[in-house]
């Protein structure tokens, strides 16, 4: 338990003590006050995490890496690849069906779909191991 957790623990005990002294008439005000303190703590934690993430992203961009929020390739590249694969699908389907019947057609389309899946997964975590950072506590500073 770190200092801020003990502070929230102290606040909760004080709120419960105040409730026992003041009675049930002040329950909503006491709960709102305590929840406001918890919300402030959550906001501070979220702000710290956002600042840390932005700093890490800026550092990686400064080192020449592509930011995580930027998709690999641009829209035109992906759109063009999709159009070309569909245009080439027509003669490939005809060749496959003419030479091997329905089996050839199925094999041709499996190849077309496979190439498009690989292109869509290019640069994404689809083919890489997951790298997750875990902290000991979500409340750590």
N, C-alpha and C. Protein backbone atom coordinates (compact mmCIF):
# COMPACT_ATOMS: atom_id res chain seq x y z
N UNK A 1 0.85 -1.17 0.00
CA UNK A 1 0.00 0.00 0.00
C UNK A 1 0.89 1.23 0.00
N UNK A 2 0.73 2.14 -0.95
CA UNK A 2 1.56 3.33 -0.98
C UNK A 2 0.88 4.47 -0.21
N UNK A 3 1.52 5.63 -0.21
CA UNK A 3 1.05 6.75 0.60
C UNK A 3 -0.34 7.22 0.21
N UNK A 4 -0.63 7.25 -1.09
CA UNK A 4 -1.94 7.73 -1.51
C UNK A 4 -3.04 6.74 -1.15
N UNK A 5 -2.73 5.44 -1.15
CA UNK A 5 -3.72 4.45 -0.73
C UNK A 5 -4.01 4.58 0.76
N UNK A 6 -2.99 4.83 1.55
CA UNK A 6 -3.22 5.02 2.98
C UNK A 6 -4.01 6.30 3.22
N UNK A 7 -3.79 7.29 2.36
CA UNK A 7 -4.56 8.53 2.47
C UNK A 7 -6.04 8.28 2.19
N UNK A 8 -6.33 7.51 1.14
CA UNK A 8 -7.73 7.17 0.85
C UNK A 8 -8.32 6.31 1.95
N UNK A 9 -7.52 5.41 2.51
CA UNK A 9 -7.99 4.58 3.62
C UNK A 9 -8.34 5.46 4.82
N UNK A 10 -7.49 6.43 5.10
CA UNK A 10 -7.75 7.38 6.19
C UNK A 10 -9.03 8.18 5.93
N UNK A 11 -9.21 8.61 4.67
CA UNK A 11 -10.42 9.36 4.32
C UNK A 11 -11.68 8.51 4.50
N UNK A 12 -11.60 7.24 4.11
CA UNK A 12 -12.74 6.36 4.27
C UNK A 12 -13.08 6.17 5.75
N UNK A 13 -12.08 5.96 6.56
CA UNK A 13 -12.31 5.81 8.00
C UNK A 13 -12.91 7.07 8.59
N UNK A 14 -12.42 8.24 8.16
CA UNK A 14 -12.96 9.50 8.64
C UNK A 14 -14.41 9.68 8.20
N UNK A 15 -14.72 9.27 6.98
CA UNK A 15 -16.09 9.37 6.48
C UNK A 15 -17.02 8.46 7.28
N UNK A 16 -16.57 7.25 7.55
CA UNK A 16 -17.38 6.33 8.34
C UNK A 16 -17.55 6.83 9.77
N UNK A 17 -16.52 7.41 10.33
CA UNK A 17 -16.61 7.98 11.68
C UNK A 17 -17.61 9.14 11.69
N UNK A 18 -17.53 10.00 10.68
CA UNK A 18 -18.45 11.13 10.60
C UNK A 18 -19.88 10.65 10.44
N UNK A 19 -20.08 9.58 9.69
CA UNK A 19 -21.42 9.03 9.53
C UNK A 19 -21.98 8.52 10.85
N UNK A 20 -21.10 7.86 11.62
CA UNK A 20 -21.59 7.34 12.91
C UNK A 20 -21.91 8.49 13.87
N UNK A 21 -21.21 9.61 13.75
CA UNK A 21 -21.49 10.75 14.62
C UNK A 21 -22.68 11.57 14.14
N UNK A 22 -22.81 11.74 12.83
CA UNK A 22 -23.86 12.61 12.29
C UNK A 22 -25.17 11.86 12.04
N UNK A 23 -25.11 10.58 11.79
CA UNK A 23 -26.31 9.81 11.53
C UNK A 23 -26.59 9.66 10.05
N UNK A 24 -27.67 8.99 9.75
CA UNK A 24 -28.02 8.65 8.37
C UNK A 24 -28.48 9.84 7.54
N UNK A 25 -28.79 10.97 8.20
CA UNK A 25 -29.27 12.14 7.46
C UNK A 25 -28.20 12.70 6.51
N UNK A 26 -26.95 12.51 6.83
CA UNK A 26 -25.86 13.07 6.04
C UNK A 26 -25.16 12.03 5.16
N UNK A 27 -25.78 10.87 5.00
CA UNK A 27 -25.16 9.80 4.21
C UNK A 27 -24.79 10.25 2.80
N UNK A 28 -25.73 10.84 2.09
CA UNK A 28 -25.47 11.20 0.69
C UNK A 28 -24.35 12.22 0.59
N UNK A 29 -24.32 13.21 1.50
CA UNK A 29 -23.26 14.22 1.45
C UNK A 29 -21.90 13.60 1.76
N UNK A 30 -21.85 12.69 2.71
CA UNK A 30 -20.59 12.04 3.06
C UNK A 30 -20.09 11.14 1.93
N UNK A 31 -21.00 10.40 1.33
CA UNK A 31 -20.63 9.52 0.22
C UNK A 31 -20.14 10.35 -0.96
N UNK A 32 -20.84 11.43 -1.27
CA UNK A 32 -20.42 12.30 -2.37
C UNK A 32 -19.04 12.89 -2.12
N UNK A 33 -18.79 13.29 -0.89
CA UNK A 33 -17.49 13.85 -0.55
C UNK A 33 -16.38 12.82 -0.73
N UNK A 34 -16.62 11.61 -0.24
CA UNK A 34 -15.60 10.57 -0.38
C UNK A 34 -15.40 10.20 -1.84
N UNK A 35 -16.49 10.07 -2.60
CA UNK A 35 -16.36 9.72 -4.01
C UNK A 35 -15.66 10.81 -4.81
N UNK A 36 -15.82 12.05 -4.40
CA UNK A 36 -15.11 13.14 -5.05
C UNK A 36 -13.61 13.00 -4.85
N UNK A 37 -13.20 12.58 -3.65
CA UNK A 37 -11.77 12.37 -3.38
C UNK A 37 -11.23 11.19 -4.18
N UNK A 38 -12.03 10.14 -4.30
CA UNK A 38 -11.61 8.99 -5.11
C UNK A 38 -11.50 9.40 -6.58
N UNK A 39 -12.45 10.19 -7.04
CA UNK A 39 -12.42 10.66 -8.42
C UNK A 39 -11.18 11.51 -8.69
N UNK A 40 -10.82 12.37 -7.74
CA UNK A 40 -9.61 13.18 -7.90
C UNK A 40 -8.38 12.28 -8.00
N UNK A 41 -8.35 11.23 -7.20
CA UNK A 41 -7.22 10.30 -7.24
C UNK A 41 -7.16 9.58 -8.58
N UNK A 42 -8.32 9.14 -9.08
CA UNK A 42 -8.37 8.49 -10.39
C UNK A 42 -7.95 9.43 -11.50
N UNK A 43 -8.40 10.68 -11.43
CA UNK A 43 -8.01 11.67 -12.44
C UNK A 43 -6.50 11.89 -12.44
N UNK A 44 -5.92 11.97 -11.26
CA UNK A 44 -4.48 12.18 -11.16
C UNK A 44 -3.73 10.98 -11.75
N UNK A 45 -4.21 9.78 -11.47
CA UNK A 45 -3.58 8.57 -12.00
C UNK A 45 -3.70 8.52 -13.52
N UNK A 46 -4.88 8.85 -14.03
CA UNK A 46 -5.09 8.85 -15.47
C UNK A 46 -4.23 9.91 -16.15
N UNK A 47 -4.16 11.09 -15.58
CA UNK A 47 -3.32 12.14 -16.15
C UNK A 47 -1.86 11.71 -16.21
N UNK A 48 -1.39 11.08 -15.13
CA UNK A 48 0.00 10.61 -15.10
C UNK A 48 0.24 9.57 -16.19
N UNK A 49 -0.70 8.64 -16.35
CA UNK A 49 -0.54 7.60 -17.38
C UNK A 49 -0.56 8.19 -18.78
N UNK A 50 -1.44 9.14 -19.03
CA UNK A 50 -1.50 9.77 -20.35
C UNK A 50 -0.20 10.51 -20.65
N UNK A 51 0.30 11.26 -19.67
CA UNK A 51 1.57 11.97 -19.86
C UNK A 51 2.71 10.99 -20.13
N UNK A 52 2.72 9.87 -19.41
CA UNK A 52 3.76 8.87 -19.60
C UNK A 52 3.67 8.25 -20.99
N UNK A 53 2.45 7.93 -21.43
CA UNK A 53 2.27 7.35 -22.76
C UNK A 53 2.71 8.32 -23.85
N UNK A 54 2.32 9.59 -23.71
CA UNK A 54 2.72 10.59 -24.71
C UNK A 54 4.23 10.76 -24.73
N UNK A 55 4.85 10.75 -23.56
CA UNK A 55 6.31 10.89 -23.52
C UNK A 55 6.99 9.70 -24.19
N UNK A 56 6.48 8.49 -23.95
CA UNK A 56 7.05 7.30 -24.59
C UNK A 56 6.86 7.35 -26.09
N UNK A 57 5.70 7.81 -26.54
CA UNK A 57 5.45 7.91 -27.98
C UNK A 57 6.35 8.94 -28.63
N UNK A 58 6.54 10.09 -27.97
CA UNK A 58 7.43 11.12 -28.50
C UNK A 58 8.87 10.62 -28.57
N UNK A 59 9.27 9.86 -27.56
CA UNK A 59 10.62 9.32 -27.54
C UNK A 59 10.82 8.35 -28.69
N UNK A 60 9.83 7.48 -28.93
CA UNK A 60 9.96 6.52 -30.03
C UNK A 60 9.96 7.23 -31.38
N UNK A 61 9.17 8.29 -31.52
CA UNK A 61 9.16 9.04 -32.77
C UNK A 61 10.50 9.74 -32.97
N UNK A 62 11.06 10.28 -31.89
CA UNK A 62 12.36 10.95 -31.98
C UNK A 62 13.46 9.97 -32.36
N UNK A 63 13.31 8.72 -31.98
CA UNK A 63 14.30 7.71 -32.34
C UNK A 63 14.08 7.15 -33.74
N UNK A 64 13.03 7.59 -34.39
CA UNK A 64 12.79 7.18 -35.77
C UNK A 64 11.79 6.06 -35.93
N UNK A 65 11.19 5.62 -34.86
CA UNK A 65 10.19 4.55 -34.96
C UNK A 65 8.85 5.15 -35.36
N UNK A 66 8.00 4.33 -35.92
CA UNK A 66 6.66 4.75 -36.32
C UNK A 66 5.79 4.78 -35.07
N UNK A 67 5.00 5.85 -34.85
CA UNK A 67 4.11 5.89 -33.69
C UNK A 67 3.10 4.74 -33.74
N UNK A 68 2.72 4.25 -32.58
CA UNK A 68 1.81 3.11 -32.51
C UNK A 68 0.44 3.44 -33.08
N UNK A 69 0.02 4.71 -32.98
CA UNK A 69 -1.29 5.09 -33.47
C UNK A 69 -1.34 5.22 -34.98
N UNK A 70 -0.19 5.28 -35.64
CA UNK A 70 -0.15 5.42 -37.09
C UNK A 70 -0.22 4.05 -37.74
N UNK A 71 -1.22 3.81 -38.57
CA UNK A 71 -1.34 2.50 -39.21
C UNK A 71 -0.23 2.28 -40.22
N UNK A 72 0.19 1.03 -40.43
CA UNK A 72 1.23 0.78 -41.43
C UNK A 72 0.70 1.05 -42.83
N UNK A 73 1.48 1.73 -43.62
CA UNK A 73 1.05 2.05 -44.97
C UNK A 73 -0.05 3.10 -44.93
N UNK A 74 -0.43 3.60 -46.06
CA UNK A 74 -1.51 4.56 -46.08
C UNK A 74 -2.75 3.94 -46.73
N UNK A 75 -3.82 4.68 -46.72
CA UNK A 75 -5.08 4.17 -47.23
C UNK A 75 -4.98 3.82 -48.71
N UNK A 76 -4.29 4.64 -49.48
CA UNK A 76 -4.17 4.40 -50.91
C UNK A 76 -3.47 3.10 -51.22
N UNK A 77 -2.44 2.79 -50.45
CA UNK A 77 -1.72 1.54 -50.65
C UNK A 77 -2.62 0.33 -50.39
N UNK A 78 -3.35 0.37 -49.28
CA UNK A 78 -4.23 -0.75 -48.95
C UNK A 78 -5.39 -0.87 -49.94
N UNK A 79 -5.96 0.28 -50.32
CA UNK A 79 -7.08 0.28 -51.26
C UNK A 79 -6.63 -0.23 -52.63
N UNK A 80 -5.47 0.24 -53.07
CA UNK A 80 -4.94 -0.19 -54.36
C UNK A 80 -4.65 -1.68 -54.39
N UNK A 81 -4.10 -2.20 -53.31
CA UNK A 81 -3.82 -3.63 -53.23
C UNK A 81 -5.12 -4.44 -53.33
N UNK A 82 -6.16 -3.96 -52.64
CA UNK A 82 -7.45 -4.65 -52.70
C UNK A 82 -8.04 -4.64 -54.11
N UNK A 83 -7.96 -3.52 -54.79
CA UNK A 83 -8.49 -3.40 -56.16
C UNK A 83 -7.72 -4.31 -57.10
N UNK A 84 -6.39 -4.30 -57.01
CA UNK A 84 -5.57 -5.13 -57.90
C UNK A 84 -5.83 -6.60 -57.66
N UNK A 85 -5.98 -6.99 -56.39
CA UNK A 85 -6.24 -8.41 -56.12
C UNK A 85 -7.60 -8.83 -56.67
N UNK A 86 -8.59 -7.95 -56.62
CA UNK A 86 -9.90 -8.30 -57.19
C UNK A 86 -9.85 -8.35 -58.72
N UNK A 87 -9.10 -7.45 -59.34
CA UNK A 87 -8.97 -7.47 -60.80
C UNK A 87 -8.26 -8.75 -61.24
N UNK A 88 -7.21 -9.15 -60.51
CA UNK A 88 -6.49 -10.37 -60.86
C UNK A 88 -7.27 -11.62 -60.49
N UNK A 89 -8.26 -11.49 -59.61
CA UNK A 89 -9.06 -12.64 -59.21
C UNK A 89 -9.88 -13.20 -60.36
N UNK A 90 -10.30 -12.33 -61.28
CA UNK A 90 -11.13 -12.79 -62.41
C UNK A 90 -10.37 -13.77 -63.30
N UNK A 91 -9.18 -13.41 -63.82
CA UNK A 91 -8.50 -14.38 -64.67
C UNK A 91 -7.98 -15.60 -63.88
N UNK A 92 -7.58 -15.40 -62.62
CA UNK A 92 -7.14 -16.54 -61.82
C UNK A 92 -8.27 -17.52 -61.58
N UNK A 93 -9.48 -17.00 -61.35
CA UNK A 93 -10.64 -17.86 -61.17
C UNK A 93 -10.94 -18.63 -62.46
N UNK A 94 -10.86 -17.94 -63.59
CA UNK A 94 -11.14 -18.59 -64.87
C UNK A 94 -10.11 -19.68 -65.16
N UNK A 95 -8.84 -19.41 -64.92
CA UNK A 95 -7.79 -20.40 -65.17
C UNK A 95 -7.96 -21.59 -64.25
N UNK A 96 -8.21 -21.31 -62.96
CA UNK A 96 -8.38 -22.40 -62.01
C UNK A 96 -9.59 -23.26 -62.33
N UNK A 97 -10.70 -22.64 -62.68
CA UNK A 97 -11.92 -23.40 -62.99
C UNK A 97 -11.77 -24.17 -64.30
N UNK A 98 -11.09 -23.57 -65.31
CA UNK A 98 -10.93 -24.25 -66.60
C UNK A 98 -10.01 -25.46 -66.50
N UNK A 99 -8.97 -25.35 -65.71
CA UNK A 99 -7.99 -26.43 -65.64
C UNK A 99 -8.32 -27.50 -64.60
N UNK A 100 -8.93 -27.12 -63.47
CA UNK A 100 -9.15 -28.11 -62.40
C UNK A 100 -10.58 -28.13 -61.90
N UNK A 101 -11.48 -27.45 -62.56
CA UNK A 101 -12.88 -27.46 -62.13
C UNK A 101 -13.08 -26.64 -60.86
N UNK A 102 -14.05 -27.09 -60.07
CA UNK A 102 -14.39 -26.35 -58.85
C UNK A 102 -13.24 -26.34 -57.84
N UNK A 103 -12.47 -27.41 -57.82
CA UNK A 103 -11.30 -27.47 -56.92
C UNK A 103 -10.29 -26.39 -57.26
N UNK A 104 -10.04 -26.17 -58.53
CA UNK A 104 -9.11 -25.12 -58.96
C UNK A 104 -9.62 -23.74 -58.60
N UNK A 105 -10.93 -23.56 -58.73
CA UNK A 105 -11.54 -22.28 -58.36
C UNK A 105 -11.38 -22.02 -56.86
N UNK A 106 -11.62 -23.05 -56.06
CA UNK A 106 -11.48 -22.91 -54.61
C UNK A 106 -10.03 -22.60 -54.23
N UNK A 107 -9.08 -23.30 -54.84
CA UNK A 107 -7.67 -23.07 -54.54
C UNK A 107 -7.27 -21.64 -54.94
N UNK A 108 -7.75 -21.16 -56.07
CA UNK A 108 -7.43 -19.80 -56.51
C UNK A 108 -7.96 -18.77 -55.49
N UNK A 109 -9.18 -18.95 -55.02
CA UNK A 109 -9.74 -18.00 -54.07
C UNK A 109 -9.11 -18.11 -52.69
N UNK A 110 -8.69 -19.30 -52.31
CA UNK A 110 -7.95 -19.43 -51.05
C UNK A 110 -6.65 -18.65 -51.13
N UNK A 111 -5.98 -18.72 -52.27
CA UNK A 111 -4.75 -17.96 -52.46
C UNK A 111 -5.00 -16.46 -52.44
N UNK A 112 -6.06 -16.00 -53.07
CA UNK A 112 -6.40 -14.57 -53.11
C UNK A 112 -6.70 -14.06 -51.70
N UNK A 113 -7.51 -14.82 -50.98
CA UNK A 113 -7.86 -14.43 -49.61
C UNK A 113 -6.61 -14.44 -48.73
N UNK A 114 -5.76 -15.45 -48.90
CA UNK A 114 -4.54 -15.54 -48.10
C UNK A 114 -3.62 -14.36 -48.32
N UNK A 115 -3.44 -13.96 -49.57
CA UNK A 115 -2.59 -12.81 -49.87
C UNK A 115 -3.17 -11.54 -49.26
N UNK A 116 -4.48 -11.38 -49.31
CA UNK A 116 -5.09 -10.19 -48.73
C UNK A 116 -5.01 -10.19 -47.20
N UNK A 117 -5.11 -11.36 -46.58
CA UNK A 117 -4.97 -11.43 -45.12
C UNK A 117 -3.56 -11.05 -44.71
N UNK A 118 -2.57 -11.55 -45.43
CA UNK A 118 -1.18 -11.20 -45.11
C UNK A 118 -0.97 -9.70 -45.30
N UNK A 119 -1.50 -9.12 -46.35
CA UNK A 119 -1.37 -7.68 -46.58
C UNK A 119 -2.07 -6.90 -45.48
N UNK A 120 -3.23 -7.32 -45.06
CA UNK A 120 -3.95 -6.62 -43.99
C UNK A 120 -3.21 -6.73 -42.67
N UNK A 121 -2.54 -7.85 -42.43
CA UNK A 121 -1.82 -8.05 -41.18
C UNK A 121 -0.42 -7.49 -41.20
N UNK A 122 0.03 -6.97 -42.33
CA UNK A 122 1.39 -6.44 -42.45
C UNK A 122 1.58 -5.28 -41.49
N UNK A 123 2.58 -5.40 -40.61
CA UNK A 123 2.90 -4.33 -39.69
C UNK A 123 2.07 -4.34 -38.42
N UNK A 124 1.08 -5.19 -38.34
CA UNK A 124 0.26 -5.26 -37.14
C UNK A 124 0.80 -6.35 -36.24
N UNK A 125 0.22 -6.51 -35.11
CA UNK A 125 0.66 -7.52 -34.16
C UNK A 125 0.16 -8.91 -34.52
N UNK A 126 -0.42 -9.05 -35.68
CA UNK A 126 -0.97 -10.33 -36.09
C UNK A 126 0.10 -11.41 -36.14
N UNK A 127 1.30 -11.05 -36.59
CA UNK A 127 2.36 -12.03 -36.76
C UNK A 127 3.50 -11.84 -35.76
N UNK A 128 3.31 -11.01 -34.75
CA UNK A 128 4.34 -10.77 -33.75
C UNK A 128 3.83 -11.21 -32.39
N UNK A 129 4.75 -11.47 -31.49
CA UNK A 129 4.37 -11.81 -30.12
C UNK A 129 3.85 -10.59 -29.40
N UNK A 130 2.97 -10.80 -28.46
CA UNK A 130 2.42 -9.68 -27.70
C UNK A 130 3.42 -9.23 -26.65
N UNK A 131 3.57 -7.94 -26.56
CA UNK A 131 4.44 -7.37 -25.55
C UNK A 131 3.55 -6.54 -24.63
N UNK A 132 3.36 -7.03 -23.43
CA UNK A 132 2.51 -6.32 -22.50
C UNK A 132 3.34 -5.86 -21.31
N UNK A 133 3.11 -4.65 -20.91
CA UNK A 133 3.74 -4.14 -19.71
C UNK A 133 2.76 -4.32 -18.57
N UNK A 134 3.23 -4.88 -17.53
CA UNK A 134 2.40 -5.05 -16.35
C UNK A 134 3.07 -4.35 -15.19
N UNK A 135 2.28 -3.63 -14.44
CA UNK A 135 2.79 -3.00 -13.24
C UNK A 135 2.28 -3.77 -12.03
N UNK A 136 2.93 -3.58 -10.91
CA UNK A 136 2.53 -4.29 -9.71
C UNK A 136 1.16 -3.84 -9.24
N UNK A 137 0.83 -2.56 -9.46
CA UNK A 137 -0.44 -2.04 -9.01
C UNK A 137 -0.90 -0.96 -9.97
N UNK A 138 -2.21 -0.84 -10.15
CA UNK A 138 -2.74 0.22 -10.98
C UNK A 138 -2.65 1.58 -10.30
N UNK A 139 -2.36 1.59 -9.02
CA UNK A 139 -2.33 2.83 -8.26
C UNK A 139 -0.91 3.36 -8.11
N UNK A 140 0.07 2.69 -8.69
CA UNK A 140 1.45 3.14 -8.54
C UNK A 140 1.68 4.46 -9.24
N UNK A 141 2.52 5.24 -8.66
CA UNK A 141 2.90 6.52 -9.28
C UNK A 141 4.17 6.39 -10.05
